[in-house]
N, C-alpha and C. Protein backbone atom coordinates (compact mmCIF):
# COMPACT_ATOMS: atom_id res chain seq x y z
N MET A 1 15.43 2.63 -6.80
CA MET A 1 14.72 2.11 -5.62
C MET A 1 15.38 0.70 -5.36
N SER A 2 15.77 0.52 -4.10
CA SER A 2 16.36 -0.75 -3.78
C SER A 2 15.22 -1.78 -3.37
N ARG A 3 15.57 -3.04 -3.58
CA ARG A 3 14.54 -4.06 -3.21
C ARG A 3 14.38 -4.11 -1.72
N ALA A 4 15.39 -3.80 -0.90
CA ALA A 4 15.19 -3.83 0.50
C ALA A 4 14.22 -2.83 0.99
N MET A 5 14.35 -1.64 0.43
CA MET A 5 13.55 -0.56 0.77
C MET A 5 12.01 -0.86 0.32
N SER A 6 11.94 -1.40 -0.83
CA SER A 6 10.58 -1.70 -1.42
C SER A 6 9.93 -2.77 -0.34
N PHE A 7 10.65 -3.85 -0.02
CA PHE A 7 10.22 -4.81 0.82
C PHE A 7 9.80 -4.22 2.16
N THR A 8 10.59 -3.31 2.65
CA THR A 8 10.29 -2.71 3.96
C THR A 8 9.07 -1.92 3.96
N ILE A 9 8.87 -1.11 2.83
CA ILE A 9 7.74 -0.42 2.75
C ILE A 9 6.43 -1.29 2.69
N ARG A 10 6.53 -2.46 1.97
CA ARG A 10 5.35 -3.23 1.81
C ARG A 10 5.02 -3.93 3.22
N ILE A 11 6.07 -4.27 3.91
CA ILE A 11 5.85 -4.93 5.29
C ILE A 11 5.29 -3.87 6.23
N LEU A 12 5.74 -2.67 6.18
CA LEU A 12 5.21 -1.65 7.14
C LEU A 12 3.69 -1.42 6.81
N LEU A 13 3.35 -1.29 5.44
CA LEU A 13 2.00 -1.15 5.09
C LEU A 13 1.13 -2.22 5.45
N VAL A 14 1.53 -3.58 5.35
CA VAL A 14 0.68 -4.64 5.79
C VAL A 14 0.45 -4.59 7.28
N LEU A 15 1.60 -4.38 8.03
CA LEU A 15 1.52 -4.36 9.52
C LEU A 15 0.58 -3.10 10.02
N PHE A 16 0.66 -1.99 9.27
CA PHE A 16 -0.19 -0.81 9.60
C PHE A 16 -1.66 -1.19 9.35
N ILE A 17 -1.95 -1.87 8.25
CA ILE A 17 -3.34 -2.31 7.92
C ILE A 17 -3.93 -3.22 8.94
N LEU A 18 -2.97 -4.29 9.33
CA LEU A 18 -3.43 -5.28 10.28
C LEU A 18 -3.74 -4.69 11.69
N VAL A 19 -2.85 -3.87 12.12
CA VAL A 19 -3.10 -3.09 13.49
C VAL A 19 -4.40 -2.26 13.36
N SER A 20 -4.45 -1.56 12.35
CA SER A 20 -5.71 -0.65 12.19
C SER A 20 -6.94 -1.35 12.05
N VAL A 21 -6.94 -2.51 11.38
CA VAL A 21 -8.13 -3.34 11.28
C VAL A 21 -8.49 -3.95 12.68
N TYR A 22 -7.49 -4.53 13.40
CA TYR A 22 -7.68 -5.06 14.71
C TYR A 22 -8.23 -3.90 15.54
N ALA A 23 -7.73 -2.73 15.54
CA ALA A 23 -8.15 -1.69 16.40
C ALA A 23 -9.70 -1.46 16.25
N VAL A 24 -10.09 -1.32 15.03
CA VAL A 24 -11.46 -1.17 14.70
C VAL A 24 -12.40 -2.35 15.11
N MET A 25 -11.88 -3.45 14.77
CA MET A 25 -12.62 -4.67 15.27
C MET A 25 -12.76 -4.88 16.74
N ALA A 26 -11.67 -4.58 17.45
CA ALA A 26 -11.60 -4.63 18.91
C ALA A 26 -12.70 -3.65 19.57
N PHE A 27 -12.79 -2.50 18.85
CA PHE A 27 -13.81 -1.49 19.43
C PHE A 27 -15.21 -1.98 19.11
N ASN A 28 -15.42 -2.47 17.89
CA ASN A 28 -16.73 -2.95 17.60
C ASN A 28 -17.21 -4.36 18.29
N PHE A 29 -16.29 -5.21 18.51
CA PHE A 29 -16.66 -6.42 19.06
C PHE A 29 -16.08 -6.61 20.45
N HIS A 30 -15.81 -5.62 21.09
CA HIS A 30 -15.39 -5.58 22.50
C HIS A 30 -14.26 -6.51 22.86
N LEU A 31 -13.29 -6.59 21.95
CA LEU A 31 -12.06 -7.46 22.13
C LEU A 31 -11.11 -6.77 23.04
N PRO A 32 -10.21 -7.47 23.61
CA PRO A 32 -9.17 -6.76 24.48
C PRO A 32 -8.25 -5.85 23.51
N PHE A 33 -7.94 -4.72 23.98
CA PHE A 33 -7.19 -3.76 23.23
C PHE A 33 -5.98 -3.38 24.09
N PRO A 34 -4.83 -3.80 23.87
CA PRO A 34 -3.66 -3.32 24.60
C PRO A 34 -3.34 -1.88 24.23
N LEU A 35 -3.00 -1.08 25.31
CA LEU A 35 -2.76 0.27 25.06
C LEU A 35 -1.52 0.55 24.30
N ALA A 36 -0.61 -0.38 24.14
CA ALA A 36 0.61 -0.24 23.47
C ALA A 36 0.27 -0.19 21.84
N MET A 37 -0.80 -0.47 21.49
CA MET A 37 -1.18 -0.51 20.01
C MET A 37 -1.45 0.74 19.45
N THR A 38 -1.79 1.75 20.22
CA THR A 38 -1.94 3.11 19.76
C THR A 38 -0.63 3.79 19.31
N PRO A 39 0.41 3.70 20.19
CA PRO A 39 1.72 4.31 19.56
C PRO A 39 2.20 3.46 18.52
N LEU A 40 2.02 2.06 18.60
CA LEU A 40 2.52 1.22 17.57
C LEU A 40 1.85 1.55 16.21
N ASN A 41 0.60 1.74 16.22
CA ASN A 41 -0.09 2.14 15.03
C ASN A 41 0.44 3.48 14.38
N THR A 42 0.59 4.45 15.31
CA THR A 42 1.17 5.65 14.88
C THR A 42 2.47 5.67 14.31
N LEU A 43 3.40 4.83 14.97
CA LEU A 43 4.77 4.56 14.51
C LEU A 43 4.80 3.82 13.17
N LEU A 44 3.99 2.83 13.01
CA LEU A 44 3.99 2.04 11.72
C LEU A 44 3.48 3.06 10.55
N GLY A 45 2.42 3.80 10.85
CA GLY A 45 1.90 4.79 9.80
C GLY A 45 2.95 5.80 9.41
N PHE A 46 3.55 6.42 10.43
CA PHE A 46 4.44 7.40 10.17
C PHE A 46 5.65 6.87 9.46
N SER A 47 6.14 5.70 9.85
CA SER A 47 7.45 5.03 9.19
C SER A 47 7.09 4.79 7.75
N PHE A 48 5.86 4.22 7.51
CA PHE A 48 5.43 3.98 6.07
C PHE A 48 5.43 5.25 5.32
N ALA A 49 4.78 6.23 5.87
CA ALA A 49 4.67 7.55 5.12
C ALA A 49 6.01 8.05 4.76
N LEU A 50 6.91 8.11 5.71
CA LEU A 50 8.33 8.72 5.60
C LEU A 50 9.04 8.03 4.47
N LEU A 51 9.03 6.54 4.61
CA LEU A 51 9.80 5.73 3.55
C LEU A 51 9.18 5.85 2.23
N HIS A 52 7.81 5.91 2.17
CA HIS A 52 7.10 5.99 0.84
C HIS A 52 7.48 7.35 0.16
N ALA A 53 7.37 8.40 0.95
CA ALA A 53 7.78 9.77 0.52
C ALA A 53 9.21 9.86 -0.05
N SER A 54 10.06 9.24 0.73
CA SER A 54 11.57 9.30 0.38
C SER A 54 11.73 8.57 -0.93
N GLN A 55 11.06 7.43 -1.11
CA GLN A 55 11.11 6.66 -2.36
C GLN A 55 10.59 7.36 -3.54
N ARG A 56 9.51 8.03 -3.34
CA ARG A 56 8.76 8.87 -4.44
C ARG A 56 9.57 10.06 -4.87
N ASN A 57 10.26 10.62 -3.86
CA ASN A 57 11.00 11.85 -4.12
C ASN A 57 12.37 11.49 -4.57
N GLY A 58 12.86 10.29 -4.59
CA GLY A 58 14.21 9.98 -4.95
C GLY A 58 15.25 10.28 -3.97
N TRP A 59 14.96 10.41 -2.67
CA TRP A 59 15.89 10.66 -1.68
C TRP A 59 16.74 9.39 -1.47
N LYS A 60 18.01 9.50 -1.10
CA LYS A 60 18.91 8.38 -0.81
C LYS A 60 18.89 8.13 0.69
N ARG A 61 19.11 6.95 1.05
CA ARG A 61 19.15 6.57 2.45
C ARG A 61 20.44 7.00 3.05
């Protein structure tokens, strides 16, 4: 496992959590919710899942 990949996975996870929490809070507290956040959240989640799976299965970049 390379350090760059591990760092990237952690950053993607943190960003995914932050965007997800904001989406829930925006719904509950009637905050502005940009429509671009929906595909961004999906992209972050999928990217994290793909990199995490490749790391766990020992796939090479």
